[in-house]
Amino acid sequence: MSPRPFRLRRISDPPVISGFKPYGGNNKGENESVFLHLEEYEALRLCDHEMLNHHQASLLMSVSRPTLTRIYSSARKKVAEAIVMGKQIIIEGGKVYFDSEWYSCNNCGCFFNNPDKINGILECPLCRKKDFSKFNNISDESGDSPAEKVTIKNK
């Protein structure tokens, strides 16, 4: 029996910082770090900052409720370890995708997204051309995902 396929976790926005460092004390944990994955950060943000229950947060992250509970529990354990042991927290990694629009360059064919929702895309990050298309996945009733492209001309 093969294992169940891994589902990417949806993250609405990247964190505004990349971590925390302890200060004061005897600096025992100066060279030690706790790595908080992006999905763990998102679970903490949704459950503790946004005050959503686990069911609501799991829907936003596109995972099951038990999976969200495991992610949330792991995040709380890591944050507690960092605080108690005086370790720094580094927020990075994980199998995630950002809930942002995707684009396709009409010149080089590169696919890219824009996790920074405030600033718009001005050019392809690979070839620097200003002719790219918005890429939308729209599922039809058969379950297939045809792609619909809408041309955006930024000149």
N, C-alpha and C. Protein backbone atom coordinates (compact mmCIF):
# COMPACT_ATOMS: atom_id res chain seq x y z
N MET A 1 0.85 -1.18 0.00
CA MET A 1 0.00 0.00 0.00
C MET A 1 0.90 1.25 0.00
N SER A 2 0.67 2.12 -0.92
CA SER A 2 1.50 3.33 -1.00
C SER A 2 0.95 4.39 -0.05
N PRO A 3 1.82 5.28 0.42
CA PRO A 3 1.36 6.32 1.34
C PRO A 3 0.48 7.34 0.63
N ARG A 4 -0.28 8.02 1.41
CA ARG A 4 -1.16 9.06 0.87
C ARG A 4 -0.33 10.20 0.30
N PRO A 5 -0.73 10.79 -0.82
CA PRO A 5 0.05 11.89 -1.39
C PRO A 5 0.09 13.09 -0.45
N PHE A 6 1.23 13.75 -0.39
CA PHE A 6 1.42 14.91 0.47
C PHE A 6 0.72 16.11 -0.13
N ARG A 7 -0.01 16.84 0.68
CA ARG A 7 -0.71 18.04 0.24
C ARG A 7 0.05 19.28 0.67
N LEU A 8 0.30 20.17 -0.28
CA LEU A 8 0.94 21.42 0.07
C LEU A 8 0.02 22.25 0.95
N ARG A 9 0.61 22.99 1.87
CA ARG A 9 -0.17 23.84 2.76
C ARG A 9 -0.24 25.25 2.18
N ARG A 10 -1.43 25.84 2.20
CA ARG A 10 -1.62 27.18 1.64
C ARG A 10 -1.31 28.21 2.71
N ILE A 11 -0.46 29.17 2.36
CA ILE A 11 -0.09 30.27 3.24
C ILE A 11 -0.61 31.55 2.60
N SER A 12 -1.35 32.36 3.38
CA SER A 12 -1.94 33.55 2.78
C SER A 12 -0.92 34.66 2.57
N ASP A 13 -0.01 34.86 3.50
CA ASP A 13 1.01 35.89 3.37
C ASP A 13 2.31 35.40 4.00
N PRO A 14 3.46 35.76 3.45
CA PRO A 14 4.71 35.40 4.11
C PRO A 14 4.86 36.20 5.40
N PRO A 15 5.62 35.69 6.36
CA PRO A 15 5.81 36.44 7.61
C PRO A 15 6.54 37.76 7.35
N VAL A 16 6.27 38.75 8.18
CA VAL A 16 6.91 40.06 8.01
C VAL A 16 8.36 40.05 8.49
N ILE A 17 8.73 39.06 9.29
CA ILE A 17 10.11 38.91 9.75
C ILE A 17 10.56 37.48 9.51
N SER A 18 11.85 37.23 9.60
CA SER A 18 12.35 35.88 9.36
C SER A 18 12.71 35.15 10.65
N GLY A 19 12.50 35.78 11.81
CA GLY A 19 12.77 35.08 13.06
C GLY A 19 12.91 36.01 14.25
N PHE A 20 13.30 35.42 15.37
CA PHE A 20 13.51 36.16 16.62
C PHE A 20 14.82 35.70 17.25
N LYS A 21 15.48 36.63 17.97
CA LYS A 21 16.68 36.29 18.71
C LYS A 21 16.47 36.66 20.17
N PRO A 22 16.90 35.80 21.08
CA PRO A 22 16.79 36.15 22.50
C PRO A 22 17.85 37.18 22.88
N TYR A 23 17.55 37.95 23.89
CA TYR A 23 18.56 38.88 24.40
C TYR A 23 18.54 38.82 25.92
N GLY A 24 19.64 39.26 26.52
CA GLY A 24 19.76 39.19 27.97
C GLY A 24 20.13 37.79 28.41
N GLY A 25 20.25 37.59 29.70
CA GLY A 25 20.56 36.27 30.24
C GLY A 25 22.00 35.89 29.99
N ASN A 26 22.27 34.59 30.05
CA ASN A 26 23.65 34.13 29.89
C ASN A 26 23.97 33.62 28.49
N ASN A 27 23.06 33.79 27.55
CA ASN A 27 23.27 33.46 26.13
C ASN A 27 23.70 32.01 25.90
N LYS A 28 23.14 31.06 26.68
CA LYS A 28 23.45 29.65 26.47
C LYS A 28 23.01 29.18 25.09
N GLY A 29 21.88 29.64 24.65
CA GLY A 29 21.33 29.19 23.37
C GLY A 29 21.74 30.06 22.20
N GLU A 30 22.88 30.77 22.33
CA GLU A 30 23.30 31.72 21.30
C GLU A 30 23.49 31.07 19.93
N ASN A 31 24.10 29.89 19.89
CA ASN A 31 24.37 29.23 18.62
C ASN A 31 23.30 28.22 18.24
N GLU A 32 22.31 28.04 19.10
CA GLU A 32 21.27 27.07 18.81
C GLU A 32 20.04 27.77 18.27
N SER A 33 19.37 27.10 17.35
CA SER A 33 18.19 27.68 16.72
C SER A 33 17.07 26.66 16.67
N VAL A 34 15.86 27.17 16.65
CA VAL A 34 14.67 26.37 16.42
C VAL A 34 14.11 26.82 15.09
N PHE A 35 13.90 25.86 14.18
CA PHE A 35 13.38 26.19 12.86
C PHE A 35 11.87 25.98 12.86
N LEU A 36 11.14 27.08 12.69
CA LEU A 36 9.69 27.05 12.62
C LEU A 36 9.32 27.09 11.14
N HIS A 37 8.70 26.02 10.65
CA HIS A 37 8.31 25.98 9.24
C HIS A 37 7.21 26.99 8.96
N LEU A 38 7.10 27.38 7.71
CA LEU A 38 6.10 28.38 7.33
C LEU A 38 4.68 27.92 7.63
N GLU A 39 4.39 26.62 7.46
CA GLU A 39 3.04 26.14 7.78
C GLU A 39 2.77 26.19 9.28
N GLU A 40 3.82 26.02 10.10
CA GLU A 40 3.66 26.14 11.56
C GLU A 40 3.41 27.60 11.94
N TYR A 41 4.13 28.49 11.30
CA TYR A 41 3.89 29.92 11.52
C TYR A 41 2.45 30.29 11.15
N GLU A 42 1.98 29.78 10.02
CA GLU A 42 0.62 30.10 9.56
C GLU A 42 -0.42 29.53 10.52
N ALA A 43 -0.19 28.33 11.04
CA ALA A 43 -1.13 27.74 12.01
C ALA A 43 -1.20 28.59 13.27
N LEU A 44 -0.05 29.05 13.77
CA LEU A 44 -0.03 29.94 14.94
C LEU A 44 -0.74 31.25 14.64
N ARG A 45 -0.49 31.80 13.46
CA ARG A 45 -1.10 33.07 13.09
C ARG A 45 -2.62 32.95 13.03
N LEU A 46 -3.09 31.90 12.38
CA LEU A 46 -4.54 31.74 12.23
C LEU A 46 -5.23 31.42 13.56
N CYS A 47 -4.65 30.50 14.34
CA CYS A 47 -5.31 30.06 15.57
C CYS A 47 -5.14 31.03 16.73
N ASP A 48 -3.95 31.60 16.90
CA ASP A 48 -3.69 32.45 18.06
C ASP A 48 -3.85 33.93 17.77
N HIS A 49 -3.45 34.37 16.60
CA HIS A 49 -3.56 35.81 16.29
C HIS A 49 -4.94 36.15 15.72
N GLU A 50 -5.39 35.37 14.74
CA GLU A 50 -6.69 35.62 14.12
C GLU A 50 -7.85 35.04 14.92
N MET A 51 -7.54 34.21 15.94
CA MET A 51 -8.52 33.60 16.84
C MET A 51 -9.54 32.72 16.10
N LEU A 52 -9.05 31.97 15.11
CA LEU A 52 -9.91 31.03 14.40
C LEU A 52 -9.84 29.67 15.09
N ASN A 53 -10.91 28.89 14.98
CA ASN A 53 -10.83 27.54 15.52
C ASN A 53 -10.09 26.66 14.51
N HIS A 54 -9.78 25.43 14.91
CA HIS A 54 -8.97 24.56 14.06
C HIS A 54 -9.67 24.21 12.75
N HIS A 55 -10.96 24.07 12.79
CA HIS A 55 -11.70 23.76 11.55
C HIS A 55 -11.59 24.92 10.55
N GLN A 56 -11.81 26.15 11.02
CA GLN A 56 -11.73 27.31 10.14
C GLN A 56 -10.31 27.47 9.59
N ALA A 57 -9.31 27.32 10.46
CA ALA A 57 -7.91 27.46 10.02
C ALA A 57 -7.53 26.37 9.03
N SER A 58 -8.02 25.15 9.24
CA SER A 58 -7.68 24.06 8.32
C SER A 58 -8.26 24.32 6.93
N LEU A 59 -9.44 24.91 6.87
CA LEU A 59 -10.02 25.24 5.57
C LEU A 59 -9.17 26.28 4.85
N LEU A 60 -8.68 27.28 5.57
CA LEU A 60 -7.86 28.32 4.95
C LEU A 60 -6.50 27.79 4.48
N MET A 61 -5.98 26.77 5.19
CA MET A 61 -4.69 26.21 4.81
C MET A 61 -4.82 25.03 3.84
N SER A 62 -6.05 24.64 3.50
CA SER A 62 -6.31 23.51 2.58
C SER A 62 -5.74 22.19 3.10
N VAL A 63 -5.90 21.95 4.39
CA VAL A 63 -5.51 20.68 5.01
C VAL A 63 -6.68 20.18 5.86
N SER A 64 -6.59 18.95 6.31
CA SER A 64 -7.64 18.43 7.19
C SER A 64 -7.48 19.02 8.60
N ARG A 65 -8.54 18.93 9.39
CA ARG A 65 -8.47 19.45 10.74
C ARG A 65 -7.44 18.71 11.60
N PRO A 66 -7.37 17.37 11.55
CA PRO A 66 -6.33 16.69 12.33
C PRO A 66 -4.91 17.09 11.91
N THR A 67 -4.70 17.30 10.60
CA THR A 67 -3.39 17.74 10.14
C THR A 67 -3.05 19.12 10.70
N LEU A 68 -4.02 20.03 10.67
CA LEU A 68 -3.77 21.36 11.23
C LEU A 68 -3.44 21.25 12.71
N THR A 69 -4.13 20.39 13.44
CA THR A 69 -3.87 20.23 14.87
C THR A 69 -2.45 19.73 15.11
N ARG A 70 -1.96 18.81 14.28
CA ARG A 70 -0.58 18.33 14.42
C ARG A 70 0.42 19.44 14.10
N ILE A 71 0.15 20.23 13.06
CA ILE A 71 1.04 21.34 12.71
C ILE A 71 1.07 22.37 13.84
N TYR A 72 -0.09 22.71 14.36
CA TYR A 72 -0.22 23.70 15.44
C TYR A 72 0.49 23.21 16.70
N SER A 73 0.33 21.94 17.05
CA SER A 73 0.98 21.38 18.23
C SER A 73 2.50 21.43 18.09
N SER A 74 3.00 21.09 16.91
CA SER A 74 4.44 21.15 16.65
C SER A 74 4.97 22.58 16.77
N ALA A 75 4.21 23.54 16.26
CA ALA A 75 4.61 24.94 16.33
C ALA A 75 4.68 25.42 17.78
N ARG A 76 3.67 25.10 18.57
CA ARG A 76 3.65 25.51 19.98
C ARG A 76 4.82 24.89 20.75
N LYS A 77 5.14 23.63 20.46
CA LYS A 77 6.25 22.97 21.12
C LYS A 77 7.58 23.65 20.79
N LYS A 78 7.76 24.00 19.52
CA LYS A 78 9.00 24.67 19.10
C LYS A 78 9.13 26.05 19.72
N VAL A 79 8.04 26.83 19.74
CA VAL A 79 8.10 28.17 20.33
C VAL A 79 8.37 28.07 21.83
N ALA A 80 7.75 27.12 22.50
CA ALA A 80 8.00 26.93 23.94
C ALA A 80 9.45 26.55 24.20
N GLU A 81 10.01 25.67 23.39
CA GLU A 81 11.41 25.28 23.53
C GLU A 81 12.34 26.49 23.36
N ALA A 82 12.05 27.31 22.37
CA ALA A 82 12.88 28.49 22.12
C ALA A 82 12.82 29.46 23.30
N ILE A 83 11.64 29.67 23.86
CA ILE A 83 11.51 30.61 24.96
C ILE A 83 12.18 30.06 26.23
N VAL A 84 11.93 28.81 26.56
CA VAL A 84 12.47 28.22 27.79
C VAL A 84 13.98 28.04 27.71
N MET A 85 14.49 27.60 26.58
CA MET A 85 15.92 27.31 26.43
C MET A 85 16.73 28.50 25.91
N GLY A 86 16.08 29.61 25.59
CA GLY A 86 16.79 30.80 25.10
C GLY A 86 17.37 30.62 23.71
N LYS A 87 16.67 29.90 22.86
CA LYS A 87 17.14 29.68 21.48
C LYS A 87 16.48 30.68 20.54
N GLN A 88 17.16 30.96 19.44
CA GLN A 88 16.55 31.84 18.45
C GLN A 88 15.58 31.05 17.59
N ILE A 89 14.58 31.74 17.05
CA ILE A 89 13.58 31.13 16.18
C ILE A 89 13.83 31.62 14.76
N ILE A 90 13.96 30.68 13.83
CA ILE A 90 14.12 31.01 12.42
C ILE A 90 12.89 30.48 11.69
N ILE A 91 12.20 31.37 10.98
CA ILE A 91 10.98 30.99 10.26
C ILE A 91 11.34 30.80 8.79
N GLU A 92 11.30 29.54 8.33
CA GLU A 92 11.62 29.25 6.94
C GLU A 92 11.26 27.81 6.61
N GLY A 93 11.17 27.51 5.34
CA GLY A 93 11.01 26.15 4.87
C GLY A 93 9.60 25.61 4.96
N GLY A 94 9.47 24.38 4.60
CA GLY A 94 8.18 23.71 4.60
C GLY A 94 7.66 23.51 3.20
N LYS A 95 6.70 22.64 3.07
CA LYS A 95 6.06 22.36 1.78
C LYS A 95 4.80 23.20 1.67
N VAL A 96 4.96 24.42 1.19
CA VAL A 96 3.86 25.38 1.17
C VAL A 96 3.77 26.04 -0.19
N TYR A 97 2.64 26.70 -0.41
CA TYR A 97 2.52 27.62 -1.53
C TYR A 97 1.80 28.85 -1.03
N PHE A 98 2.14 29.98 -1.61
CA PHE A 98 1.53 31.23 -1.19
C PHE A 98 0.24 31.46 -1.95
N ASP A 99 -0.74 31.93 -1.24
CA ASP A 99 -2.05 32.22 -1.82
C ASP A 99 -1.96 33.54 -2.56
N SER A 100 -1.33 33.50 -3.70
CA SER A 100 -1.17 34.71 -4.50
C SER A 100 -1.37 34.36 -5.97
N GLU A 101 -1.48 35.34 -6.79
CA GLU A 101 -1.71 35.12 -8.21
C GLU A 101 -0.43 34.67 -8.89
N TRP A 102 -0.58 33.79 -9.88
CA TRP A 102 0.55 33.29 -10.66
C TRP A 102 0.52 33.92 -12.05
N TYR A 103 1.71 34.07 -12.62
CA TYR A 103 1.86 34.70 -13.92
C TYR A 103 2.74 33.84 -14.80
N SER A 104 2.58 33.99 -16.11
CA SER A 104 3.39 33.30 -17.09
C SER A 104 3.94 34.34 -18.06
N CYS A 105 5.24 34.30 -18.25
CA CYS A 105 5.88 35.24 -19.17
C CYS A 105 5.61 34.80 -20.61
N ASN A 106 5.13 35.73 -21.43
CA ASN A 106 4.85 35.44 -22.83
C ASN A 106 6.12 35.37 -23.66
N ASN A 107 7.25 35.85 -23.12
CA ASN A 107 8.51 35.85 -23.85
C ASN A 107 9.32 34.57 -23.58
N CYS A 108 9.57 34.25 -22.30
CA CYS A 108 10.45 33.11 -21.97
C CYS A 108 9.69 31.91 -21.42
N GLY A 109 8.37 32.06 -21.12
CA GLY A 109 7.58 30.94 -20.62
C GLY A 109 7.73 30.66 -19.14
N CYS A 110 8.41 31.53 -18.42
CA CYS A 110 8.64 31.37 -16.98
C CYS A 110 7.33 31.53 -16.21
N PHE A 111 7.09 30.68 -15.20
CA PHE A 111 5.96 30.83 -14.28
C PHE A 111 6.47 31.45 -12.99
N PHE A 112 5.78 32.44 -12.49
CA PHE A 112 6.20 33.10 -11.25
C PHE A 112 4.98 33.65 -10.53
N ASN A 113 5.14 33.90 -9.24
CA ASN A 113 4.04 34.47 -8.46
C ASN A 113 4.51 35.73 -7.76
N ASN A 114 3.57 36.36 -7.07
CA ASN A 114 3.86 37.60 -6.37
C ASN A 114 3.37 37.48 -4.93
N PRO A 115 4.22 36.99 -4.00
CA PRO A 115 3.77 36.88 -2.62
C PRO A 115 3.56 38.24 -1.96
N ASP A 116 4.18 39.28 -2.50
CA ASP A 116 4.00 40.63 -1.97
C ASP A 116 2.77 41.24 -2.64
N LYS A 117 1.62 41.16 -1.96
CA LYS A 117 0.36 41.59 -2.56
C LYS A 117 0.25 43.11 -2.68
N ILE A 118 1.04 43.85 -1.93
CA ILE A 118 0.96 45.31 -1.94
C ILE A 118 1.55 45.87 -3.23
N ASN A 119 2.72 45.40 -3.60
CA ASN A 119 3.38 45.87 -4.82
C ASN A 119 3.05 44.92 -5.97
N GLY A 120 2.65 45.48 -7.07
CA GLY A 120 2.30 44.66 -8.23
C GLY A 120 3.52 44.17 -8.97
N ILE A 121 3.29 43.25 -9.89
CA ILE A 121 4.36 42.73 -10.74
C ILE A 121 4.57 43.71 -11.88
N LEU A 122 5.82 44.08 -12.11
CA LEU A 122 6.13 45.01 -13.19
C LEU A 122 6.80 44.34 -14.37
N GLU A 123 7.52 43.22 -14.10
CA GLU A 123 8.26 42.56 -15.16
C GLU A 123 8.51 41.10 -14.78
N CYS A 124 8.87 40.30 -15.76
CA CYS A 124 9.23 38.91 -15.53
C CYS A 124 10.54 38.88 -14.74
N PRO A 125 10.63 38.12 -13.67
CA PRO A 125 11.87 38.10 -12.90
C PRO A 125 13.04 37.44 -13.62
N LEU A 126 12.75 36.65 -14.68
CA LEU A 126 13.81 35.95 -15.39
C LEU A 126 14.37 36.76 -16.56
N CYS A 127 13.48 37.20 -17.46
CA CYS A 127 13.96 37.90 -18.67
C CYS A 127 13.74 39.41 -18.62
N ARG A 128 13.04 39.89 -17.59
CA ARG A 128 12.78 41.33 -17.37
C ARG A 128 11.89 41.98 -18.43
N LYS A 129 11.16 41.17 -19.19
CA LYS A 129 10.20 41.71 -20.16
C LYS A 129 8.91 42.08 -19.44
N LYS A 130 8.17 43.03 -19.99
CA LYS A 130 6.95 43.52 -19.36
C LYS A 130 5.69 42.87 -19.93
N ASP A 131 5.83 41.88 -20.79
CA ASP A 131 4.68 41.21 -21.39
C ASP A 131 4.50 39.85 -20.73
N PHE A 132 3.55 39.75 -19.82
CA PHE A 132 3.27 38.49 -19.14
C PHE A 132 1.77 38.31 -18.98
N SER A 133 1.35 37.08 -18.67
CA SER A 133 -0.07 36.75 -18.55
C SER A 133 -0.39 36.27 -17.15
N LYS A 134 -1.58 36.60 -16.70
CA LYS A 134 -2.07 36.09 -15.43
C LYS A 134 -2.50 34.65 -15.65
N PHE A 135 -2.08 33.75 -14.79
CA PHE A 135 -2.34 32.32 -14.93
C PHE A 135 -3.36 31.91 -13.88
N ASN A 136 -4.54 31.43 -14.32
CA ASN A 136 -5.59 30.98 -13.41
C ASN A 136 -5.90 29.52 -13.67
N ASN A 137 -5.97 28.72 -12.61
CA ASN A 137 -6.43 27.33 -12.72
C ASN A 137 -7.90 27.31 -12.39
N ILE A 138 -8.70 26.86 -13.33
CA ILE A 138 -10.14 26.78 -13.13
C ILE A 138 -10.53 25.32 -13.31
N SER A 139 -11.10 24.71 -12.28
CA SER A 139 -11.50 23.31 -12.38
C SER A 139 -12.88 23.21 -13.01
N ASP A 140 -13.02 22.29 -13.95
CA ASP A 140 -14.34 22.05 -14.51
C ASP A 140 -14.98 20.85 -13.82
N GLU A 141 -16.17 20.44 -14.25
CA GLU A 141 -16.90 19.38 -13.59
C GLU A 141 -16.20 18.04 -13.70
N SER A 142 -15.38 17.82 -14.70
CA SER A 142 -14.72 16.53 -14.86
C SER A 142 -13.52 16.37 -13.94
N GLY A 143 -13.13 17.44 -13.26
CA GLY A 143 -11.98 17.38 -12.36
C GLY A 143 -10.68 17.80 -13.00
N ASP A 144 -10.71 18.01 -14.33
CA ASP A 144 -9.50 18.48 -14.99
C ASP A 144 -9.29 19.95 -14.65
N SER A 145 -8.05 20.41 -14.78
CA SER A 145 -7.76 21.81 -14.49
C SER A 145 -7.20 22.50 -15.71
N PRO A 146 -8.02 22.96 -16.59
CA PRO A 146 -7.51 23.71 -17.73
C PRO A 146 -7.01 25.08 -17.27
N ALA A 147 -6.07 25.60 -17.99
CA ALA A 147 -5.52 26.91 -17.63
C ALA A 147 -6.15 27.98 -18.50
N GLU A 148 -6.49 29.08 -17.87
CA GLU A 148 -7.02 30.22 -18.59
C GLU A 148 -6.01 31.34 -18.46
N LYS A 149 -5.63 31.93 -19.56
CA LYS A 149 -4.65 33.01 -19.54
C LYS A 149 -5.32 34.31 -19.94
N VAL A 150 -5.02 35.33 -19.18
CA VAL A 150 -5.51 36.67 -19.47
C VAL A 150 -4.28 37.53 -19.66
N THR A 151 -4.12 38.14 -20.81
CA THR A 151 -2.93 38.91 -21.10
C THR A 151 -2.95 40.24 -20.37
N ILE A 152 -1.83 40.56 -19.75
CA ILE A 152 -1.64 41.83 -19.06
C ILE A 152 -0.51 42.55 -19.76
N LYS A 153 -0.75 43.71 -20.22
CA LYS A 153 0.30 44.49 -20.90
C LYS A 153 0.72 45.61 -19.96
N ASN A 154 1.93 45.51 -19.43
CA ASN A 154 2.48 46.55 -18.57
C ASN A 154 3.59 47.26 -19.34
N LYS A 155 3.31 48.46 -19.76
CA LYS A 155 4.32 49.18 -20.54
C LYS A 155 4.56 50.54 -19.96
